mmCIF file of all heavy atoms, coordinates in Angstrom:
data_MODEL
# 
_entry.id   MODEL 
# 
loop_
_atom_site.group_PDB 
_atom_site.id 
_atom_site.type_symbol 
_atom_site.label_atom_id 
_atom_site.label_alt_id 
_atom_site.label_comp_id 
_atom_site.label_asym_id 
_atom_site.label_entity_id 
_atom_site.label_seq_id 
_atom_site.pdbx_PDB_ins_code 
_atom_site.Cartn_x 
_atom_site.Cartn_y 
_atom_site.Cartn_z 
_atom_site.occupancy 
_atom_site.B_iso_or_equiv 
_atom_site.pdbx_formal_charge 
_atom_site.auth_seq_id 
_atom_site.auth_comp_id 
_atom_site.auth_asym_id 
_atom_site.auth_atom_id 
_atom_site.pdbx_PDB_model_num 
ATOM 1   N N   . ALA A 1 1  ? -64.847 -12.827 -53.128 1.00 0.00 ? 1  ALA A N   1 
ATOM 2   C CA  . ALA A 1 1  ? -65.783 -13.062 -52.023 1.00 0.00 ? 1  ALA A CA  1 
ATOM 3   C C   . ALA A 1 1  ? -66.487 -11.791 -51.561 1.00 0.00 ? 1  ALA A C   1 
ATOM 4   O O   . ALA A 1 1  ? -67.401 -11.858 -50.737 1.00 0.00 ? 1  ALA A O   1 
ATOM 5   C CB  . ALA A 1 1  ? -65.022 -13.679 -50.843 1.00 0.00 ? 1  ALA A CB  1 
ATOM 6   N N   . ILE A 1 2  ? -66.085 -10.640 -52.088 1.00 0.00 ? 2  ILE A N   1 
ATOM 7   C CA  . ILE A 1 2  ? -66.667 -9.376  -51.622 1.00 0.00 ? 2  ILE A CA  1 
ATOM 8   C C   . ILE A 1 2  ? -68.179 -9.358  -51.816 1.00 0.00 ? 2  ILE A C   1 
ATOM 9   O O   . ILE A 1 2  ? -68.927 -8.861  -50.965 1.00 0.00 ? 2  ILE A O   1 
ATOM 10  C CB  . ILE A 1 2  ? -65.998 -8.189  -52.348 1.00 0.00 ? 2  ILE A CB  1 
ATOM 11  C CG1 . ILE A 1 2  ? -64.547 -8.045  -51.890 1.00 0.00 ? 2  ILE A CG1 1 
ATOM 12  C CG2 . ILE A 1 2  ? -66.764 -6.891  -52.081 1.00 0.00 ? 2  ILE A CG2 1 
ATOM 13  C CD1 . ILE A 1 2  ? -63.793 -6.926  -52.575 1.00 0.00 ? 2  ILE A CD1 1 
ATOM 14  N N   . SER A 1 3  ? -68.642 -9.920  -52.917 1.00 0.00 ? 3  SER A N   1 
ATOM 15  C CA  . SER A 1 3  ? -70.083 -9.904  -53.205 1.00 0.00 ? 3  SER A CA  1 
ATOM 16  C C   . SER A 1 3  ? -70.885 -10.696 -52.176 1.00 0.00 ? 3  SER A C   1 
ATOM 17  O O   . SER A 1 3  ? -72.108 -10.515 -52.070 1.00 0.00 ? 3  SER A O   1 
ATOM 18  C CB  . SER A 1 3  ? -70.343 -10.449 -54.602 1.00 0.00 ? 3  SER A CB  1 
ATOM 19  O OG  . SER A 1 3  ? -69.890 -11.794 -54.702 1.00 0.00 ? 3  SER A OG  1 
ATOM 20  N N   . GLN A 1 4  ? -70.228 -11.572 -51.415 1.00 0.00 ? 4  GLN A N   1 
ATOM 21  C CA  . GLN A 1 4  ? -70.936 -12.375 -50.419 1.00 0.00 ? 4  GLN A CA  1 
ATOM 22  C C   . GLN A 1 4  ? -71.130 -11.626 -49.100 1.00 0.00 ? 4  GLN A C   1 
ATOM 23  O O   . GLN A 1 4  ? -71.869 -12.090 -48.228 1.00 0.00 ? 4  GLN A O   1 
ATOM 24  C CB  . GLN A 1 4  ? -70.150 -13.666 -50.150 1.00 0.00 ? 4  GLN A CB  1 
ATOM 25  C CG  . GLN A 1 4  ? -69.890 -14.516 -51.390 1.00 0.00 ? 4  GLN A CG  1 
ATOM 26  C CD  . GLN A 1 4  ? -68.947 -15.674 -51.095 1.00 0.00 ? 4  GLN A CD  1 
ATOM 27  O OE1 . GLN A 1 4  ? -68.794 -16.096 -49.951 1.00 0.00 ? 4  GLN A OE1 1 
ATOM 28  N NE2 . GLN A 1 4  ? -68.303 -16.188 -52.130 1.00 0.00 ? 4  GLN A NE2 1 
ATOM 29  N N   . LEU A 1 5  ? -70.463 -10.490 -48.941 1.00 0.00 ? 5  LEU A N   1 
ATOM 30  C CA  . LEU A 1 5  ? -70.536 -9.734  -47.694 1.00 0.00 ? 5  LEU A CA  1 
ATOM 31  C C   . LEU A 1 5  ? -71.620 -8.667  -47.773 1.00 0.00 ? 5  LEU A C   1 
ATOM 32  O O   . LEU A 1 5  ? -71.899 -8.119  -48.852 1.00 0.00 ? 5  LEU A O   1 
ATOM 33  C CB  . LEU A 1 5  ? -69.182 -9.094  -47.396 1.00 0.00 ? 5  LEU A CB  1 
ATOM 34  C CG  . LEU A 1 5  ? -68.000 -10.065 -47.280 1.00 0.00 ? 5  LEU A CG  1 
ATOM 35  C CD1 . LEU A 1 5  ? -66.702 -9.298  -47.044 1.00 0.00 ? 5  LEU A CD1 1 
ATOM 36  C CD2 . LEU A 1 5  ? -68.230 -11.070 -46.163 1.00 0.00 ? 5  LEU A CD2 1 
ATOM 37  N N   . ASN A 1 6  ? -72.180 -8.341  -46.632 1.00 0.00 ? 6  ASN A N   1 
ATOM 38  C CA  . ASN A 1 6  ? -73.262 -7.363  -46.553 1.00 0.00 ? 6  ASN A CA  1 
ATOM 39  C C   . ASN A 1 6  ? -72.690 -6.000  -46.155 1.00 0.00 ? 6  ASN A C   1 
ATOM 40  O O   . ASN A 1 6  ? -72.190 -5.843  -45.034 1.00 0.00 ? 6  ASN A O   1 
ATOM 41  C CB  . ASN A 1 6  ? -74.295 -7.811  -45.531 1.00 0.00 ? 6  ASN A CB  1 
ATOM 42  C CG  . ASN A 1 6  ? -75.549 -6.959  -45.567 1.00 0.00 ? 6  ASN A CG  1 
ATOM 43  O OD1 . ASN A 1 6  ? -75.529 -5.812  -45.994 1.00 0.00 ? 6  ASN A OD1 1 
ATOM 44  N ND2 . ASN A 1 6  ? -76.659 -7.532  -45.111 1.00 0.00 ? 6  ASN A ND2 1 
ATOM 45  N N   . PRO A 1 7  ? -72.758 -4.993  -47.046 1.00 0.00 ? 7  PRO A N   1 
ATOM 46  C CA  . PRO A 1 7  ? -72.196 -3.671  -46.719 1.00 0.00 ? 7  PRO A CA  1 
ATOM 47  C C   . PRO A 1 7  ? -72.877 -3.002  -45.534 1.00 0.00 ? 7  PRO A C   1 
ATOM 48  O O   . PRO A 1 7  ? -72.314 -2.075  -44.943 1.00 0.00 ? 7  PRO A O   1 
ATOM 49  C CB  . PRO A 1 7  ? -72.424 -2.868  -48.007 1.00 0.00 ? 7  PRO A CB  1 
ATOM 50  C CG  . PRO A 1 7  ? -72.639 -3.879  -49.081 1.00 0.00 ? 7  PRO A CG  1 
ATOM 51  C CD  . PRO A 1 7  ? -73.300 -5.046  -48.409 1.00 0.00 ? 7  PRO A CD  1 
ATOM 52  N N   . ALA A 1 8  ? -74.061 -3.453  -45.171 1.00 0.00 ? 8  ALA A N   1 
ATOM 53  C CA  . ALA A 1 8  ? -74.769 -2.841  -44.044 1.00 0.00 ? 8  ALA A CA  1 
ATOM 54  C C   . ALA A 1 8  ? -74.265 -3.354  -42.697 1.00 0.00 ? 8  ALA A C   1 
ATOM 55  O O   . ALA A 1 8  ? -74.553 -2.755  -41.655 1.00 0.00 ? 8  ALA A O   1 
ATOM 56  C CB  . ALA A 1 8  ? -76.275 -3.101  -44.172 1.00 0.00 ? 8  ALA A CB  1 
ATOM 57  N N   . HIS A 1 9  ? -73.524 -4.466  -42.708 1.00 0.00 ? 9  HIS A N   1 
ATOM 58  C CA  . HIS A 1 9  ? -73.024 -5.050  -41.464 1.00 0.00 ? 9  HIS A CA  1 
ATOM 59  C C   . HIS A 1 9  ? -71.740 -4.352  -41.007 1.00 0.00 ? 9  HIS A C   1 
ATOM 60  O O   . HIS A 1 9  ? -70.981 -3.813  -41.806 1.00 0.00 ? 9  HIS A O   1 
ATOM 61  C CB  . HIS A 1 9  ? -72.728 -6.535  -41.658 1.00 0.00 ? 9  HIS A CB  1 
ATOM 62  C CG  . HIS A 1 9  ? -73.956 -7.370  -41.763 1.00 0.00 ? 9  HIS A CG  1 
ATOM 63  N ND1 . HIS A 1 9  ? -73.915 -8.753  -41.759 1.00 0.00 ? 9  HIS A ND1 1 
ATOM 64  C CD2 . HIS A 1 9  ? -75.268 -7.046  -41.865 1.00 0.00 ? 9  HIS A CD2 1 
ATOM 65  C CE1 . HIS A 1 9  ? -75.130 -9.239  -41.867 1.00 0.00 ? 9  HIS A CE1 1 
ATOM 66  N NE2 . HIS A 1 9  ? -75.974 -8.215  -41.944 1.00 0.00 ? 9  HIS A NE2 1 
ATOM 67  N N   . ASP A 1 10 ? -71.507 -4.393  -39.701 1.00 0.00 ? 10 ASP A N   1 
ATOM 68  C CA  . ASP A 1 10 ? -70.202 -4.024  -39.165 1.00 0.00 ? 10 ASP A CA  1 
ATOM 69  C C   . ASP A 1 10 ? -69.243 -5.187  -39.415 1.00 0.00 ? 10 ASP A C   1 
ATOM 70  O O   . ASP A 1 10 ? -69.569 -6.342  -39.101 1.00 0.00 ? 10 ASP A O   1 
ATOM 71  C CB  . ASP A 1 10 ? -70.287 -3.752  -37.664 1.00 0.00 ? 10 ASP A CB  1 
ATOM 72  C CG  . ASP A 1 10 ? -70.991 -2.450  -37.347 1.00 0.00 ? 10 ASP A CG  1 
ATOM 73  O OD1 . ASP A 1 10 ? -71.271 -1.681  -38.293 1.00 0.00 ? 10 ASP A OD1 1 
ATOM 74  O OD2 . ASP A 1 10 ? -71.282 -2.195  -36.166 1.00 0.00 ? 10 ASP A OD2 1 
ATOM 75  N N   . ILE A 1 11 ? -68.066 -4.880  -39.969 1.00 0.00 ? 11 ILE A N   1 
ATOM 76  C CA  . ILE A 1 11 ? -67.111 -5.928  -40.349 1.00 0.00 ? 11 ILE A CA  1 
ATOM 77  C C   . ILE A 1 11 ? -65.760 -5.632  -39.707 1.00 0.00 ? 11 ILE A C   1 
ATOM 78  O O   . ILE A 1 11 ? -65.241 -4.519  -39.803 1.00 0.00 ? 11 ILE A O   1 
ATOM 79  C CB  . ILE A 1 11 ? -66.946 -6.016  -41.883 1.00 0.00 ? 11 ILE A CB  1 
ATOM 80  C CG1 . ILE A 1 11 ? -68.283 -6.390  -42.534 1.00 0.00 ? 11 ILE A CG1 1 
ATOM 81  C CG2 . ILE A 1 11 ? -65.855 -7.020  -42.250 1.00 0.00 ? 11 ILE A CG2 1 
ATOM 82  C CD1 . ILE A 1 11 ? -68.229 -6.373  -44.046 1.00 0.00 ? 11 ILE A CD1 1 
ATOM 83  N N   . VAL A 1 12 ? -65.177 -6.632  -39.050 1.00 0.00 ? 12 VAL A N   1 
ATOM 84  C CA  . VAL A 1 12 ? -63.815 -6.554  -38.528 1.00 0.00 ? 12 VAL A CA  1 
ATOM 85  C C   . VAL A 1 12 ? -62.973 -7.576  -39.277 1.00 0.00 ? 12 VAL A C   1 
ATOM 86  O O   . VAL A 1 12 ? -63.343 -8.756  -39.349 1.00 0.00 ? 12 VAL A O   1 
ATOM 87  C CB  . VAL A 1 12 ? -63.756 -6.817  -37.009 1.00 0.00 ? 12 VAL A CB  1 
ATOM 88  C CG1 . VAL A 1 12 ? -62.305 -6.805  -36.524 1.00 0.00 ? 12 VAL A CG1 1 
ATOM 89  C CG2 . VAL A 1 12 ? -64.566 -5.769  -36.260 1.00 0.00 ? 12 VAL A CG2 1 
ATOM 90  N N   . VAL A 1 13 ? -61.861 -7.134  -39.833 1.00 0.00 ? 13 VAL A N   1 
ATOM 91  C CA  . VAL A 1 13 ? -60.967 -8.000  -40.603 1.00 0.00 ? 13 VAL A CA  1 
ATOM 92  C C   . VAL A 1 13 ? -59.733 -8.276  -39.757 1.00 0.00 ? 13 VAL A C   1 
ATOM 93  O O   . VAL A 1 13 ? -59.171 -7.367  -39.143 1.00 0.00 ? 13 VAL A O   1 
ATOM 94  C CB  . VAL A 1 13 ? -60.558 -7.344  -41.934 1.00 0.00 ? 13 VAL A CB  1 
ATOM 95  C CG1 . VAL A 1 13 ? -59.828 -8.348  -42.815 1.00 0.00 ? 13 VAL A CG1 1 
ATOM 96  C CG2 . VAL A 1 13 ? -61.769 -6.780  -42.656 1.00 0.00 ? 13 VAL A CG2 1 
ATOM 97  N N   . GLN A 1 14 ? -59.306 -9.536  -39.710 1.00 0.00 ? 14 GLN A N   1 
ATOM 98  C CA  . GLN A 1 14 ? -58.135 -9.893  -38.911 1.00 0.00 ? 14 GLN A CA  1 
ATOM 99  C C   . GLN A 1 14 ? -57.233 -10.869 -39.636 1.00 0.00 ? 14 GLN A C   1 
ATOM 100 O O   . GLN A 1 14 ? -57.685 -11.633 -40.490 1.00 0.00 ? 14 GLN A O   1 
ATOM 101 C CB  . GLN A 1 14 ? -58.540 -10.462 -37.551 1.00 0.00 ? 14 GLN A CB  1 
ATOM 102 C CG  . GLN A 1 14 ? -59.388 -11.692 -37.604 1.00 0.00 ? 14 GLN A CG  1 
ATOM 103 C CD  . GLN A 1 14 ? -58.694 -13.006 -37.271 1.00 0.00 ? 14 GLN A CD  1 
ATOM 104 O OE1 . GLN A 1 14 ? -59.373 -13.978 -37.010 1.00 0.00 ? 14 GLN A OE1 1 
ATOM 105 N NE2 . GLN A 1 14 ? -57.384 -13.056 -37.264 1.00 0.00 ? 14 GLN A NE2 1 
ATOM 106 N N   . CYS A 1 15 ? -55.922 -10.780 -39.280 1.00 0.00 ? 15 CYS A N   1 
ATOM 107 C CA  . CYS A 1 15 ? -54.933 -11.734 -39.796 1.00 0.00 ? 15 CYS A CA  1 
ATOM 108 C C   . CYS A 1 15 ? -53.981 -12.067 -38.652 1.00 0.00 ? 15 CYS A C   1 
ATOM 109 O O   . CYS A 1 15 ? -54.378 -12.014 -37.488 1.00 0.00 ? 15 CYS A O   1 
ATOM 110 C CB  . CYS A 1 15 ? -54.195 -11.162 -41.010 1.00 0.00 ? 15 CYS A CB  1 
ATOM 111 S SG  . CYS A 1 15 ? -53.189 -9.715  -40.653 1.00 0.00 ? 15 CYS A SG  1 
ATOM 112 N N   . ARG A 1 16 ? -52.752 -12.400 -38.956 1.00 0.00 ? 16 ARG A N   1 
ATOM 113 C CA  . ARG A 1 16 ? -51.810 -12.767 -37.897 1.00 0.00 ? 16 ARG A CA  1 
ATOM 114 C C   . ARG A 1 16 ? -51.349 -11.548 -37.105 1.00 0.00 ? 16 ARG A C   1 
ATOM 115 O O   . ARG A 1 16 ? -51.364 -11.556 -35.881 1.00 0.00 ? 16 ARG A O   1 
ATOM 116 C CB  . ARG A 1 16 ? -50.596 -13.483 -38.494 1.00 0.00 ? 16 ARG A CB  1 
ATOM 117 C CG  . ARG A 1 16 ? -49.541 -13.883 -37.467 1.00 0.00 ? 16 ARG A CG  1 
ATOM 118 C CD  . ARG A 1 16 ? -48.370 -14.579 -38.145 1.00 0.00 ? 16 ARG A CD  1 
ATOM 119 N NE  . ARG A 1 16 ? -47.364 -14.975 -37.176 1.00 0.00 ? 16 ARG A NE  1 
ATOM 120 C CZ  . ARG A 1 16 ? -46.351 -14.195 -36.773 1.00 0.00 ? 16 ARG A CZ  1 
ATOM 121 N NH1 . ARG A 1 16 ? -46.236 -12.971 -37.257 1.00 0.00 ? 16 ARG A NH1 1 
ATOM 122 N NH2 . ARG A 1 16 ? -45.469 -14.639 -35.908 1.00 0.00 ? 16 ARG A NH2 1 
ATOM 123 N N   . SER A 1 17 ? -50.936 -10.491 -37.811 1.00 0.00 ? 17 SER A N   1 
ATOM 124 C CA  . SER A 1 17 ? -50.358 -9.329  -37.127 1.00 0.00 ? 17 SER A CA  1 
ATOM 125 C C   . SER A 1 17 ? -51.023 -8.006  -37.471 1.00 0.00 ? 17 SER A C   1 
ATOM 126 O O   . SER A 1 17 ? -50.654 -6.977  -36.918 1.00 0.00 ? 17 SER A O   1 
ATOM 127 C CB  . SER A 1 17 ? -48.857 -9.222  -37.450 1.00 0.00 ? 17 SER A CB  1 
ATOM 128 O OG  . SER A 1 17 ? -48.673 -8.973  -38.829 1.00 0.00 ? 17 SER A OG  1 
ATOM 129 N N   . GLY A 1 18 ? -51.983 -8.015  -38.389 1.00 0.00 ? 18 GLY A N   1 
ATOM 130 C CA  . GLY A 1 18 ? -52.687 -6.796  -38.749 1.00 0.00 ? 18 GLY A CA  1 
ATOM 131 C C   . GLY A 1 18 ? -52.257 -6.177  -40.052 1.00 0.00 ? 18 GLY A C   1 
ATOM 132 O O   . GLY A 1 18 ? -52.823 -5.162  -40.468 1.00 0.00 ? 18 GLY A O   1 
ATOM 133 N N   . VAL A 1 19 ? -51.267 -6.756  -40.750 1.00 0.00 ? 19 VAL A N   1 
ATOM 134 C CA  . VAL A 1 19 ? -50.778 -6.186  -42.001 1.00 0.00 ? 19 VAL A CA  1 
ATOM 135 C C   . VAL A 1 19 ? -51.687 -6.568  -43.166 1.00 0.00 ? 19 VAL A C   1 
ATOM 136 O O   . VAL A 1 19 ? -52.183 -5.706  -43.896 1.00 0.00 ? 19 VAL A O   1 
ATOM 137 C CB  . VAL A 1 19 ? -49.327 -6.635  -42.280 1.00 0.00 ? 19 VAL A CB  1 
ATOM 138 C CG1 . VAL A 1 19 ? -48.860 -6.120  -43.644 1.00 0.00 ? 19 VAL A CG1 1 
ATOM 139 C CG2 . VAL A 1 19 ? -48.401 -6.115  -41.183 1.00 0.00 ? 19 VAL A CG2 1 
ATOM 140 N N   . ARG A 1 20 ? -51.904 -7.868  -43.364 1.00 0.00 ? 20 ARG A N   1 
ATOM 141 C CA  . ARG A 1 20 ? -52.767 -8.299  -44.459 1.00 0.00 ? 20 ARG A CA  1 
ATOM 142 C C   . ARG A 1 20 ? -54.194 -7.804  -44.288 1.00 0.00 ? 20 ARG A C   1 
ATOM 143 O O   . ARG A 1 20 ? -54.851 -7.378  -45.251 1.00 0.00 ? 20 ARG A O   1 
ATOM 144 C CB  . ARG A 1 20 ? -52.749 -9.831  -44.552 1.00 0.00 ? 20 ARG A CB  1 
ATOM 145 C CG  . ARG A 1 20 ? -51.483 -10.425 -45.121 1.00 0.00 ? 20 ARG A CG  1 
ATOM 146 C CD  . ARG A 1 20 ? -51.455 -11.933 -45.001 1.00 0.00 ? 20 ARG A CD  1 
ATOM 147 N NE  . ARG A 1 20 ? -51.215 -12.374 -43.627 1.00 0.00 ? 20 ARG A NE  1 
ATOM 148 C CZ  . ARG A 1 20 ? -51.191 -13.645 -43.244 1.00 0.00 ? 20 ARG A CZ  1 
ATOM 149 N NH1 . ARG A 1 20 ? -51.433 -14.610 -44.128 1.00 0.00 ? 20 ARG A NH1 1 
ATOM 150 N NH2 . ARG A 1 20 ? -50.928 -13.971 -41.993 1.00 0.00 ? 20 ARG A NH2 1 
ATOM 151 N N   . SER A 1 21 ? -54.685 -7.858  -43.053 1.00 0.00 ? 21 SER A N   1 
ATOM 152 C CA  . SER A 1 21 ? -56.070 -7.444  -42.811 1.00 0.00 ? 21 SER A CA  1 
ATOM 153 C C   . SER A 1 21 ? -56.261 -5.954  -43.071 1.00 0.00 ? 21 SER A C   1 
ATOM 154 O O   . SER A 1 21 ? -57.349 -5.531  -43.498 1.00 0.00 ? 21 SER A O   1 
ATOM 155 C CB  . SER A 1 21 ? -56.485 -7.801  -41.383 1.00 0.00 ? 21 SER A CB  1 
ATOM 156 O OG  . SER A 1 21 ? -55.564 -7.299  -40.437 1.00 0.00 ? 21 SER A OG  1 
ATOM 157 N N   . ALA A 1 22 ? -55.233 -5.140  -42.826 1.00 0.00 ? 22 ALA A N   1 
ATOM 158 C CA  . ALA A 1 22 ? -55.344 -3.709  -43.127 1.00 0.00 ? 22 ALA A CA  1 
ATOM 159 C C   . ALA A 1 22 ? -55.530 -3.491  -44.619 1.00 0.00 ? 22 ALA A C   1 
ATOM 160 O O   . ALA A 1 22 ? -56.333 -2.633  -45.039 1.00 0.00 ? 22 ALA A O   1 
ATOM 161 C CB  . ALA A 1 22 ? -54.103 -2.969  -42.632 1.00 0.00 ? 22 ALA A CB  1 
ATOM 162 N N   . SER A 1 23 ? -54.823 -4.272  -45.443 1.00 0.00 ? 23 SER A N   1 
ATOM 163 C CA  . SER A 1 23 ? -54.982 -4.157  -46.894 1.00 0.00 ? 23 SER A CA  1 
ATOM 164 C C   . SER A 1 23 ? -56.385 -4.572  -47.330 1.00 0.00 ? 23 SER A C   1 
ATOM 165 O O   . SER A 1 23 ? -57.001 -3.935  -48.191 1.00 0.00 ? 23 SER A O   1 
ATOM 166 C CB  . SER A 1 23 ? -53.938 -5.013  -47.612 1.00 0.00 ? 23 SER A CB  1 
ATOM 167 O OG  . SER A 1 23 ? -52.632 -4.575  -47.316 1.00 0.00 ? 23 SER A OG  1 
ATOM 168 N N   . VAL A 1 24 ? -56.899 -5.645  -46.729 1.00 0.00 ? 24 VAL A N   1 
ATOM 169 C CA  . VAL A 1 24 ? -58.243 -6.107  -47.088 1.00 0.00 ? 24 VAL A CA  1 
ATOM 170 C C   . VAL A 1 24 ? -59.296 -5.096  -46.629 1.00 0.00 ? 24 VAL A C   1 
ATOM 171 O O   . VAL A 1 24 ? -60.277 -4.832  -47.337 1.00 0.00 ? 24 VAL A O   1 
ATOM 172 C CB  . VAL A 1 24 ? -58.514 -7.493  -46.476 1.00 0.00 ? 24 VAL A CB  1 
ATOM 173 C CG1 . VAL A 1 24 ? -59.974 -7.888  -46.652 1.00 0.00 ? 24 VAL A CG1 1 
ATOM 174 C CG2 . VAL A 1 24 ? -57.596 -8.534  -47.121 1.00 0.00 ? 24 VAL A CG2 1 
# 
C-alpha cells in the first residue's frame, strides 16, 4: 500500500499501543 500514499503529505501512523505503528 506504500505506493498509494503521498510522500509530500504529513502522515501519522497509529495502532493499539504504538508498537506496530512505530515499525510501519
